[in-house]
Amino acid sequence: MLKFVKNHMDSISGIEIYPIISLLIFFFFFVILFYWVITAKKEYIKNVSNIPLENENLENNQNNDLS
Protein backbone atom coordinates (compact mmCIF):
# COMPACT_ATOMS: atom_id res chain seq x y z
CA MET A 1 0.00 0.00 0.00
CA LEU A 2 2.87 2.37 0.76
CA LYS A 3 4.19 1.90 -2.77
CA PHE A 4 0.81 2.91 -4.16
CA VAL A 5 0.77 6.10 -2.10
CA LYS A 6 4.37 6.94 -3.00
CA ASN A 7 3.79 6.37 -6.70
CA HIS A 8 0.62 8.42 -6.60
CA MET A 9 2.35 11.31 -4.80
CA ASP A 10 5.27 11.22 -7.24
CA SER A 11 2.85 11.94 -10.04
CA ILE A 12 1.68 15.22 -8.43
CA SER A 13 3.80 18.15 -9.51
CA GLY A 14 4.92 20.60 -6.83
CA ILE A 15 4.07 18.30 -3.92
CA GLU A 16 7.56 18.56 -2.41
CA ILE A 17 6.71 22.01 -1.00
CA TYR A 18 4.01 20.69 1.39
CA PRO A 19 6.35 18.88 3.82
CA ILE A 20 8.54 21.99 3.93
CA ILE A 21 5.57 24.24 4.65
CA SER A 22 4.26 21.94 7.38
CA LEU A 23 7.71 21.77 9.00
CA LEU A 24 7.97 25.57 8.97
CA ILE A 25 4.49 25.96 10.49
CA PHE A 26 5.37 23.41 13.18
CA PHE A 27 8.72 25.09 13.91
CA PHE A 28 7.36 28.65 14.06
CA PHE A 29 4.41 27.63 16.23
CA PHE A 30 6.73 26.19 18.88
CA VAL A 31 9.17 29.10 18.63
CA ILE A 32 6.32 31.56 19.22
CA LEU A 33 4.94 29.39 22.02
CA PHE A 34 8.38 29.20 23.65
CA TYR A 35 8.76 33.00 23.38
CA TRP A 36 5.32 33.50 24.97
CA VAL A 37 6.18 31.18 27.86
CA ILE A 38 9.49 32.92 28.51
CA THR A 39 7.99 36.42 28.41
CA ALA A 40 4.76 35.64 30.32
CA LYS A 41 4.38 37.46 33.60
CA LYS A 42 4.82 35.27 36.65
CA GLU A 43 1.63 36.60 38.26
CA TYR A 44 -0.43 35.64 35.19
CA ILE A 45 0.98 32.11 35.28
CA LYS A 46 0.25 31.87 39.00
CA ASN A 47 -3.35 33.04 38.49
CA VAL A 48 -3.95 30.62 35.63
CA SER A 49 -2.41 27.72 37.53
CA ASN A 50 -4.82 28.34 40.43
CA ILE A 51 -7.96 28.22 38.25
CA PRO A 52 -8.61 24.48 38.77
CA LEU A 53 -8.25 24.91 42.54
CA GLU A 54 -10.64 27.85 42.56
CA ASN A 55 -13.22 25.86 40.59
CA GLU A 56 -12.88 22.96 43.00
CA ASN A 57 -13.38 25.28 45.97
CA LEU A 58 -16.48 26.78 44.35
CA GLU A 59 -17.93 23.32 43.73
CA ASN A 60 -17.23 22.28 47.32
CA ASN A 61 -18.88 25.44 48.65
CA GLN A 62 -21.92 24.92 46.45
CA ASN A 63 -22.23 21.30 47.57
CA ASN A 64 -21.98 22.35 51.23
CA ASP A 65 -24.67 25.01 50.71
CA LEU A 66 -27.03 22.43 49.20
CA SER A 67 -26.60 20.01 52.10
PDB file of N, CA and C in Angstrom:
ATOM      1  N   MET A   1       0.820  -1.192   0.000  1.00  0.00           N
ATOM      2  CA  MET A   1       0.000   0.000   0.000  1.00  0.00           C
ATOM      3  C   MET A   1       0.863   1.255   0.000  1.00  0.00           C
ATOM      4  N   LEU A   2       1.989   1.212   0.709  1.00  0.00           N
ATOM      5  CA  LEU A   2       2.865   2.370   0.759  1.00  0.00           C
ATOM      6  C   LEU A   2       3.426   2.693  -0.623  1.00  0.00           C
ATOM      7  N   LYS A   3       3.700   1.668  -1.415  1.00  0.00           N
ATOM      8  CA  LYS A   3       4.194   1.901  -2.772  1.00  0.00           C
ATOM      9  C   LYS A   3       3.147   2.618  -3.605  1.00  0.00           C
ATOM     10  N   PHE A   4       1.885   2.260  -3.412  1.00  0.00           N
ATOM     11  CA  PHE A   4       0.805   2.912  -4.156  1.00  0.00           C
ATOM     12  C   PHE A   4       0.743   4.393  -3.810  1.00  0.00           C
ATOM     13  N   VAL A   5       0.833   4.706  -2.520  1.00  0.00           N
ATOM     14  CA  VAL A   5       0.773   6.101  -2.099  1.00  0.00           C
ATOM     15  C   VAL A   5       1.976   6.866  -2.624  1.00  0.00           C
ATOM     16  N   LYS A   6       3.160   6.267  -2.533  1.00  0.00           N
ATOM     17  CA  LYS A   6       4.368   6.936  -2.997  1.00  0.00           C
ATOM     18  C   LYS A   6       4.305   7.176  -4.498  1.00  0.00           C
ATOM     19  N   ASN A   7       3.879   6.194  -5.250  1.00  0.00           N
ATOM     20  CA  ASN A   7       3.785   6.371  -6.697  1.00  0.00           C
ATOM     21  C   ASN A   7       2.745   7.421  -7.053  1.00  0.00           C
ATOM     22  N   HIS A   8       1.658   7.429  -6.334  1.00  0.00           N
ATOM     23  CA  HIS A   8       0.621   8.421  -6.600  1.00  0.00           C
ATOM     24  C   HIS A   8       1.132   9.825  -6.291  1.00  0.00           C
ATOM     25  N   MET A   9       1.850   9.986  -5.189  1.00  0.00           N
ATOM     26  CA  MET A   9       2.350  11.307  -4.805  1.00  0.00           C
ATOM     27  C   MET A   9       3.462  11.767  -5.745  1.00  0.00           C
ATOM     28  N   ASP A  10       4.233  10.844  -6.280  1.00  0.00           N
ATOM     29  CA  ASP A  10       5.271  11.215  -7.241  1.00  0.00           C
ATOM     30  C   ASP A  10       4.679  11.808  -8.501  1.00  0.00           C
ATOM     31  N   SER A  11       3.470  11.432  -8.814  1.00  0.00           N
ATOM     32  CA  SER A  11       2.846  11.940 -10.039  1.00  0.00           C
ATOM     33  C   SER A  11       2.293  13.351  -9.878  1.00  0.00           C
ATOM     34  N   ILE A  12       2.210  13.873  -8.667  1.00  0.00           N
ATOM     35  CA  ILE A  12       1.678  15.217  -8.432  1.00  0.00           C
ATOM     36  C   ILE A  12       2.828  16.209  -8.496  1.00  0.00           C
ATOM     37  N   SER A  13       2.713  17.169  -9.370  1.00  0.00           N
ATOM     38  CA  SER A  13       3.798  18.151  -9.509  1.00  0.00           C
ATOM     39  C   SER A  13       3.706  19.194  -8.398  1.00  0.00           C
ATOM     40  N   GLY A  14       4.844  19.575  -7.866  1.00  0.00           N
ATOM     41  CA  GLY A  14       4.920  20.599  -6.828  1.00  0.00           C
ATOM     42  C   GLY A  14       4.577  20.114  -5.437  1.00  0.00           C
ATOM     43  N   ILE A  15       4.469  18.820  -5.242  1.00  0.00           N
ATOM     44  CA  ILE A  15       4.073  18.305  -3.919  1.00  0.00           C
ATOM     45  C   ILE A  15       5.212  18.386  -2.912  1.00  0.00           C
ATOM     46  N   GLU A  16       6.429  18.542  -3.345  1.00  0.00           N
ATOM     47  CA  GLU A  16       7.557  18.557  -2.409  1.00  0.00           C
ATOM     48  C   GLU A  16       7.546  19.791  -1.514  1.00  0.00           C
ATOM     49  N   ILE A  17       6.756  20.805  -1.823  1.00  0.00           N
ATOM     50  CA  ILE A  17       6.706  22.007  -1.001  1.00  0.00           C
ATOM     51  C   ILE A  17       5.869  21.796   0.262  1.00  0.00           C
ATOM     52  N   TYR A  18       4.908  20.878   0.243  1.00  0.00           N
ATOM     53  CA  TYR A  18       4.009  20.691   1.386  1.00  0.00           C
ATOM     54  C   TYR A  18       4.708  20.195   2.654  1.00  0.00           C
ATOM     55  N   PRO A  19       5.633  19.239   2.582  1.00  0.00           N
ATOM     56  CA  PRO A  19       6.345  18.880   3.822  1.00  0.00           C
ATOM     57  C   PRO A  19       7.191  20.029   4.373  1.00  0.00           C
ATOM     58  N   ILE A  20       7.744  20.847   3.492  1.00  0.00           N
ATOM     59  CA  ILE A  20       8.543  21.985   3.931  1.00  0.00           C
ATOM     60  C   ILE A  20       7.659  23.006   4.629  1.00  0.00           C
ATOM     61  N   ILE A  21       6.500  23.286   4.046  1.00  0.00           N
ATOM     62  CA  ILE A  21       5.568  24.237   4.651  1.00  0.00           C
ATOM     63  C   ILE A  21       5.093  23.732   6.013  1.00  0.00           C
ATOM     64  N   SER A  22       4.746  22.464   6.095  1.00  0.00           N
ATOM     65  CA  SER A  22       4.260  21.935   7.375  1.00  0.00           C
ATOM     66  C   SER A  22       5.366  21.956   8.435  1.00  0.00           C
ATOM     67  N   LEU A  23       6.604  21.690   8.054  1.00  0.00           N
ATOM     68  CA  LEU A  23       7.715  21.770   9.000  1.00  0.00           C
ATOM     69  C   LEU A  23       7.914  23.201   9.479  1.00  0.00           C
ATOM     70  N   LEU A  24       7.821  24.164   8.574  1.00  0.00           N
ATOM     71  CA  LEU A  24       7.975  25.565   8.967  1.00  0.00           C
ATOM     72  C   LEU A  24       6.851  26.015   9.900  1.00  0.00           C
ATOM     73  N   ILE A  25       5.619  25.613   9.611  1.00  0.00           N
ATOM     74  CA  ILE A  25       4.494  25.959  10.488  1.00  0.00           C
ATOM     75  C   ILE A  25       4.715  25.357  11.874  1.00  0.00           C
ATOM     76  N   PHE A  26       5.097  24.091  11.923  1.00  0.00           N
ATOM     77  CA  PHE A  26       5.372  23.407  13.183  1.00  0.00           C
ATOM     78  C   PHE A  26       6.481  24.123  13.955  1.00  0.00           C
ATOM     79  N   PHE A  27       7.570  24.446  13.281  1.00  0.00           N
ATOM     80  CA  PHE A  27       8.717  25.093  13.913  1.00  0.00           C
ATOM     81  C   PHE A  27       8.343  26.471  14.451  1.00  0.00           C
ATOM     82  N   PHE A  28       7.703  27.302  13.630  1.00  0.00           N
ATOM     83  CA  PHE A  28       7.356  28.653  14.056  1.00  0.00           C
ATOM     84  C   PHE A  28       6.321  28.655  15.173  1.00  0.00           C
ATOM     85  N   PHE A  29       5.392  27.721  15.144  1.00  0.00           N
ATOM     86  CA  PHE A  29       4.407  27.625  16.229  1.00  0.00           C
ATOM     87  C   PHE A  29       5.110  27.407  17.558  1.00  0.00           C
ATOM     88  N   PHE A  30       6.055  26.480  17.616  1.00  0.00           N
ATOM     89  CA  PHE A  30       6.725  26.194  18.877  1.00  0.00           C
ATOM     90  C   PHE A  30       7.724  27.277  19.261  1.00  0.00           C
ATOM     91  N   VAL A  31       8.301  27.962  18.299  1.00  0.00           N
ATOM     92  CA  VAL A  31       9.173  29.098  18.632  1.00  0.00           C
ATOM     93  C   VAL A  31       8.347  30.213  19.266  1.00  0.00           C
ATOM     94  N   ILE A  32       7.196  30.515  18.678  1.00  0.00           N
ATOM     95  CA  ILE A  32       6.323  31.557  19.222  1.00  0.00           C
ATOM     96  C   ILE A  32       5.794  31.146  20.596  1.00  0.00           C
ATOM     97  N   LEU A  33       5.420  29.879  20.735  1.00  0.00           N
ATOM     98  CA  LEU A  33       4.945  29.391  22.023  1.00  0.00           C
ATOM     99  C   LEU A  33       6.043  29.485  23.085  1.00  0.00           C
ATOM    100  N   PHE A  34       7.252  29.115  22.731  1.00  0.00           N
ATOM    101  CA  PHE A  34       8.382  29.205  23.652  1.00  0.00           C
ATOM    102  C   PHE A  34       8.631  30.657  24.053  1.00  0.00           C
ATOM    103  N   TYR A  35       8.571  31.574  23.104  1.00  0.00           N
ATOM    104  CA  TYR A  35       8.755  32.997  23.384  1.00  0.00           C
ATOM    105  C   TYR A  35       7.673  33.494  24.337  1.00  0.00           C
ATOM    106  N   TRP A  36       6.421  33.072  24.108  1.00  0.00           N
ATOM    107  CA  TRP A  36       5.322  33.498  24.968  1.00  0.00           C
ATOM    108  C   TRP A  36       5.516  32.987  26.392  1.00  0.00           C
ATOM    109  N   VAL A  37       5.959  31.756  26.523  1.00  0.00           N
ATOM    110  CA  VAL A  37       6.175  31.177  27.857  1.00  0.00           C
ATOM    111  C   VAL A  37       7.293  31.907  28.576  1.00  0.00           C
ATOM    112  N   ILE A  38       8.356  32.236  27.888  1.00  0.00           N
ATOM    113  CA  ILE A  38       9.486  32.916  28.513  1.00  0.00           C
ATOM    114  C   ILE A  38       9.104  34.328  28.936  1.00  0.00           C
ATOM    115  N   THR A  39       8.308  35.022  28.128  1.00  0.00           N
ATOM    116  CA  THR A  39       7.986  36.418  28.412  1.00  0.00           C
ATOM    117  C   THR A  39       6.710  36.598  29.237  1.00  0.00           C
ATOM    118  N   ALA A  40       6.004  35.523  29.546  1.00  0.00           N
ATOM    119  CA  ALA A  40       4.764  35.642  30.324  1.00  0.00           C
ATOM    120  C   ALA A  40       5.072  36.122  31.738  1.00  0.00           C
ATOM    121  N   LYS A  41       4.182  36.943  32.254  1.00  0.00           N
ATOM    122  CA  LYS A  41       4.376  37.461  33.604  1.00  0.00           C
ATOM    123  C   LYS A  41       4.114  36.348  34.609  1.00  0.00           C
ATOM    124  N   LYS A  42       4.916  36.328  35.638  1.00  0.00           N
ATOM    125  CA  LYS A  42       4.816  35.272  36.653  1.00  0.00           C
ATOM    126  C   LYS A  42       3.463  35.316  37.369  1.00  0.00           C
ATOM    127  N   GLU A  43       2.921  36.502  37.573  1.00  0.00           N
ATOM    128  CA  GLU A  43       1.633  36.598  38.258  1.00  0.00           C
ATOM    129  C   GLU A  43       0.511  36.004  37.399  1.00  0.00           C
ATOM    130  N   TYR A  44       0.580  36.224  36.097  1.00  0.00           N
ATOM    131  CA  TYR A  44      -0.429  35.642  35.190  1.00  0.00           C
ATOM    132  C   TYR A  44      -0.379  34.113  35.255  1.00  0.00           C
ATOM    133  N   ILE A  45       0.824  33.565  35.215  1.00  0.00           N
ATOM    134  CA  ILE A  45       0.984  32.110  35.276  1.00  0.00           C
ATOM    135  C   ILE A  45       0.461  31.571  36.606  1.00  0.00           C
ATOM    136  N   LYS A  46       0.725  32.296  37.691  1.00  0.00           N
ATOM    137  CA  LYS A  46       0.248  31.874  39.002  1.00  0.00           C
ATOM    138  C   LYS A  46      -1.283  31.905  39.052  1.00  0.00           C
ATOM    139  N   ASN A  47      -1.891  32.946  38.499  1.00  0.00           N
ATOM    140  CA  ASN A  47      -3.352  33.039  38.490  1.00  0.00           C
ATOM    141  C   ASN A  47      -3.971  31.928  37.660  1.00  0.00           C
ATOM    142  N   VAL A  48      -3.408  31.661  36.513  1.00  0.00           N
ATOM    143  CA  VAL A  48      -3.946  30.621  35.634  1.00  0.00           C
ATOM    144  C   VAL A  48      -3.753  29.242  36.254  1.00  0.00           C
ATOM    145  N   SER A  49      -2.652  29.033  36.925  1.00  0.00           N
ATOM    146  CA  SER A  49      -2.414  27.720  37.535  1.00  0.00           C
ATOM    147  C   SER A  49      -3.347  27.464  38.715  1.00  0.00           C
ATOM    148  N   ASN A  50      -3.907  28.506  39.299  1.00  0.00           N
ATOM    149  CA  ASN A  50      -4.821  28.336  40.425  1.00  0.00           C
ATOM    150  C   ASN A  50      -6.279  28.188  39.997  1.00  0.00           C
ATOM    151  N   ILE A  51      -6.581  28.315  38.733  1.00  0.00           N
ATOM    152  CA  ILE A  51      -7.963  28.221  38.253  1.00  0.00           C
ATOM    153  C   ILE A  51      -8.603  26.880  38.614  1.00  0.00           C
ATOM    154  N   PRO A  52      -7.953  25.745  38.398  1.00  0.00           N
ATOM    155  CA  PRO A  52      -8.609  24.483  38.773  1.00  0.00           C
ATOM    156  C   PRO A  52      -8.900  24.400  40.271  1.00  0.00           C
ATOM    157  N   LEU A  53      -8.027  24.942  41.090  1.00  0.00           N
ATOM    158  CA  LEU A  53      -8.247  24.912  42.535  1.00  0.00           C
ATOM    159  C   LEU A  53      -9.412  25.800  42.926  1.00  0.00           C
ATOM    160  N   GLU A  54      -9.527  26.956  42.273  1.00  0.00           N
ATOM    161  CA  GLU A  54     -10.641  27.854  42.557  1.00  0.00           C
ATOM    162  C   GLU A  54     -11.959  27.210  42.166  1.00  0.00           C
ATOM    163  N   ASN A  55     -11.997  26.533  41.023  1.00  0.00           N
ATOM    164  CA  ASN A  55     -13.220  25.856  40.587  1.00  0.00           C
ATOM    165  C   ASN A  55     -13.603  24.745  41.562  1.00  0.00           C
ATOM    166  N   GLU A  56     -12.608  24.044  42.049  1.00  0.00           N
ATOM    167  CA  GLU A  56     -12.876  22.964  43.004  1.00  0.00           C
ATOM    168  C   GLU A  56     -13.432  23.533  44.298  1.00  0.00           C
ATOM    169  N   ASN A  57     -12.884  24.647  44.750  1.00  0.00           N
ATOM    170  CA  ASN A  57     -13.382  25.279  45.970  1.00  0.00           C
ATOM    171  C   ASN A  57     -14.808  25.769  45.783  1.00  0.00           C
ATOM    172  N   LEU A  58     -15.118  26.326  44.620  1.00  0.00           N
ATOM    173  CA  LEU A  58     -16.482  26.780  44.349  1.00  0.00           C
ATOM    174  C   LEU A  58     -17.456  25.612  44.364  1.00  0.00           C
ATOM    175  N   GLU A  59     -17.060  24.504  43.756  1.00  0.00           N
ATOM    176  CA  GLU A  59     -17.925  23.321  43.732  1.00  0.00           C
ATOM    177  C   GLU A  59     -18.143  22.785  45.139  1.00  0.00           C
ATOM    178  N   ASN A  60     -17.101  22.762  45.939  1.00  0.00           N
ATOM    179  CA  ASN A  60     -17.230  22.283  47.323  1.00  0.00           C
ATOM    180  C   ASN A  60     -18.151  23.194  48.127  1.00  0.00           C
ATOM    181  N   ASN A  61     -18.020  24.496  47.928  1.00  0.00           N
ATOM    182  CA  ASN A  61     -18.876  25.442  48.647  1.00  0.00           C
ATOM    183  C   ASN A  61     -20.328  25.296  48.214  1.00  0.00           C
ATOM    184  N   GLN A  62     -20.558  25.082  46.924  1.00  0.00           N
ATOM    185  CA  GLN A  62     -21.922  24.918  46.446  1.00  0.00           C
ATOM    186  C   GLN A  62     -22.527  23.626  46.986  1.00  0.00           C
ATOM    187  N   ASN A  63     -21.741  22.570  47.032  1.00  0.00           N
ATOM    188  CA  ASN A  63     -22.234  21.298  47.574  1.00  0.00           C
ATOM    189  C   ASN A  63     -22.552  21.420  49.065  1.00  0.00           C
ATOM    190  N   ASN A  64     -21.734  22.160  49.793  1.00  0.00           N
ATOM    191  CA  ASN A  64     -21.977  22.354  51.228  1.00  0.00           C
ATOM    192  C   ASN A  64     -23.236  23.198  51.458  1.00  0.00           C
ATOM    193  N   ASP A  65     -23.480  24.172  50.578  1.00  0.00           N
ATOM    194  CA  ASP A  65     -24.670  25.009  50.711  1.00  0.00           C
ATOM    195  C   ASP A  65     -25.931  24.204  50.441  1.00  0.00           C
ATOM    196  N   LEU A  66     -25.860  23.226  49.548  1.00  0.00           N
ATOM    197  CA  LEU A  66     -27.030  22.428  49.204  1.00  0.00           C
ATOM    198  C   LEU A  66     -27.368  21.408  50.289  1.00  0.00           C
ATOM    199  N   SER A  67     -26.389  21.047  51.081  1.00  0.00           N
ATOM    200  CA  SER A  67     -26.603  20.012  52.104  1.00  0.00           C
ATOM    201  C   SER A  67     -27.391  20.521  53.275  1.00  0.00           C
TER     202      SER A  67
END
